[in-house]
């Protein structure tokens, strides 16, 4: 696998950066993200 840019841990800023780098198709971007489990009760609870 080859990419012009690798973004590790995207978050909101990394996602925006990946979008801006890849929007014209000139560059290829690889985004690597690792999220934890979503099994916690507060994560599963819908917002008010």
N, C-alpha and C. Protein backbone atom coordinates (compact mmCIF):
# COMPACT_ATOMS: atom_id res chain seq x y z
N UNK A 1 0.84 -1.16 0.00
CA UNK A 1 0.00 0.00 0.00
C UNK A 1 0.89 1.24 0.00
N UNK A 2 0.57 2.18 -0.85
CA UNK A 2 1.32 3.42 -0.93
C UNK A 2 0.38 4.60 -0.73
N UNK A 3 0.88 5.63 -0.07
CA UNK A 3 0.11 6.85 0.12
C UNK A 3 1.07 8.02 0.14
N UNK A 4 0.59 9.16 -0.32
CA UNK A 4 1.41 10.37 -0.27
C UNK A 4 1.48 10.93 1.14
N UNK A 5 0.39 10.79 1.88
CA UNK A 5 0.32 11.27 3.25
C UNK A 5 -0.31 10.19 4.12
N UNK A 6 0.20 10.05 5.35
CA UNK A 6 -0.39 9.15 6.34
C UNK A 6 -0.76 10.00 7.54
N UNK A 7 -2.03 9.92 7.93
CA UNK A 7 -2.51 10.66 9.09
C UNK A 7 -2.88 9.62 10.15
N UNK A 8 -2.24 9.73 11.31
CA UNK A 8 -2.46 8.76 12.38
C UNK A 8 -3.24 9.45 13.49
N UNK A 9 -4.36 8.84 13.87
CA UNK A 9 -5.20 9.42 14.91
C UNK A 9 -5.95 10.63 14.37
N UNK A 10 -6.92 10.38 13.54
CA UNK A 10 -7.53 11.48 12.79
C UNK A 10 -8.24 12.50 13.66
N UNK A 11 -9.19 12.11 14.48
CA UNK A 11 -9.95 13.10 15.23
C UNK A 11 -10.60 14.09 14.28
N UNK A 12 -11.07 15.20 14.79
CA UNK A 12 -11.74 16.16 13.91
C UNK A 12 -10.75 16.91 13.03
N UNK A 13 -9.60 17.29 13.55
CA UNK A 13 -8.61 18.01 12.75
C UNK A 13 -7.99 17.11 11.69
N UNK A 14 -7.68 15.88 12.05
CA UNK A 14 -7.10 14.95 11.08
C UNK A 14 -8.05 14.60 9.97
N UNK A 15 -9.33 14.49 10.28
CA UNK A 15 -10.33 14.21 9.26
C UNK A 15 -10.44 15.37 8.28
N UNK A 16 -10.44 16.59 8.80
CA UNK A 16 -10.49 17.77 7.93
C UNK A 16 -9.24 17.85 7.06
N UNK A 17 -8.08 17.53 7.64
CA UNK A 17 -6.84 17.56 6.88
C UNK A 17 -6.86 16.51 5.77
N UNK A 18 -7.31 15.31 6.08
CA UNK A 18 -7.39 14.26 5.07
C UNK A 18 -8.32 14.66 3.94
N UNK A 19 -9.43 15.27 4.28
CA UNK A 19 -10.38 15.72 3.26
C UNK A 19 -9.73 16.77 2.35
N UNK A 20 -9.08 17.75 2.95
CA UNK A 20 -8.48 18.83 2.16
C UNK A 20 -7.35 18.32 1.28
N UNK A 21 -6.55 17.38 1.79
CA UNK A 21 -5.45 16.84 0.99
C UNK A 21 -5.93 16.00 -0.17
N UNK A 22 -7.06 15.33 0.00
CA UNK A 22 -7.50 14.38 -1.02
C UNK A 22 -8.63 14.91 -1.91
N UNK A 23 -9.13 16.11 -1.66
CA UNK A 23 -10.33 16.56 -2.37
C UNK A 23 -10.13 16.75 -3.87
N UNK A 24 -8.93 17.10 -4.33
CA UNK A 24 -8.74 17.29 -5.77
C UNK A 24 -8.20 16.04 -6.47
N UNK A 25 -7.92 14.99 -5.71
CA UNK A 25 -7.45 13.74 -6.30
C UNK A 25 -5.96 13.72 -6.63
N UNK A 26 -5.25 14.79 -6.30
CA UNK A 26 -3.81 14.86 -6.59
C UNK A 26 -3.00 13.97 -5.65
N UNK A 27 -3.43 13.86 -4.41
CA UNK A 27 -2.71 13.09 -3.41
C UNK A 27 -3.56 11.93 -2.91
N UNK A 28 -2.88 10.86 -2.52
CA UNK A 28 -3.57 9.77 -1.83
C UNK A 28 -3.27 9.89 -0.34
N UNK A 29 -4.27 9.64 0.47
CA UNK A 29 -4.16 9.84 1.92
C UNK A 29 -4.61 8.57 2.62
N UNK A 30 -3.81 8.11 3.56
CA UNK A 30 -4.15 6.96 4.39
C UNK A 30 -4.42 7.48 5.80
N UNK A 31 -5.60 7.20 6.33
CA UNK A 31 -5.96 7.62 7.68
C UNK A 31 -6.05 6.38 8.56
N UNK A 32 -5.27 6.36 9.63
CA UNK A 32 -5.28 5.25 10.58
C UNK A 32 -5.90 5.74 11.89
N UNK A 33 -6.90 5.02 12.33
CA UNK A 33 -7.59 5.41 13.55
C UNK A 33 -7.84 4.16 14.38
N UNK A 34 -7.63 4.27 15.67
CA UNK A 34 -7.92 3.18 16.58
C UNK A 34 -8.84 3.71 17.65
N UNK A 35 -10.00 3.17 17.72
CA UNK A 35 -10.95 3.60 18.75
C UNK A 35 -11.09 2.54 19.81
N UNK A 36 -11.41 2.98 20.98
CA UNK A 36 -11.64 2.04 22.07
C UNK A 36 -13.01 1.40 21.95
N UNK A 37 -13.34 0.62 22.91
CA UNK A 37 -14.63 -0.06 22.92
C UNK A 37 -15.75 0.95 23.18
N UNK A 38 -16.91 0.64 22.66
CA UNK A 38 -18.06 1.51 22.92
C UNK A 38 -19.05 0.82 23.85
N UNK A 39 -18.53 0.00 24.75
CA UNK A 39 -19.38 -0.79 25.63
C UNK A 39 -19.78 -0.05 26.91
N UNK A 40 -19.23 1.12 27.16
CA UNK A 40 -19.55 1.84 28.39
C UNK A 40 -20.99 2.36 28.39
N UNK A 41 -21.63 2.40 29.56
CA UNK A 41 -23.04 2.83 29.62
C UNK A 41 -23.24 4.29 29.22
N UNK A 42 -22.27 5.15 29.48
CA UNK A 42 -22.42 6.56 29.11
C UNK A 42 -22.25 6.77 27.61
N UNK A 43 -21.49 5.92 26.97
CA UNK A 43 -21.32 6.02 25.52
C UNK A 43 -22.59 5.56 24.82
N UNK A 44 -23.24 4.54 25.34
CA UNK A 44 -24.44 4.00 24.73
C UNK A 44 -25.68 4.86 24.98
N UNK A 45 -25.63 5.73 25.99
CA UNK A 45 -26.79 6.54 26.37
C UNK A 45 -27.02 7.65 25.34
N UNK A 46 -28.21 7.76 24.80
CA UNK A 46 -28.48 8.83 23.85
C UNK A 46 -28.42 10.20 24.52
N UNK A 47 -28.00 11.20 23.78
CA UNK A 47 -27.94 12.56 24.31
C UNK A 47 -29.33 13.16 24.46
N UNK A 48 -29.44 14.12 25.33
CA UNK A 48 -30.75 14.75 25.56
C UNK A 48 -30.94 15.92 24.63
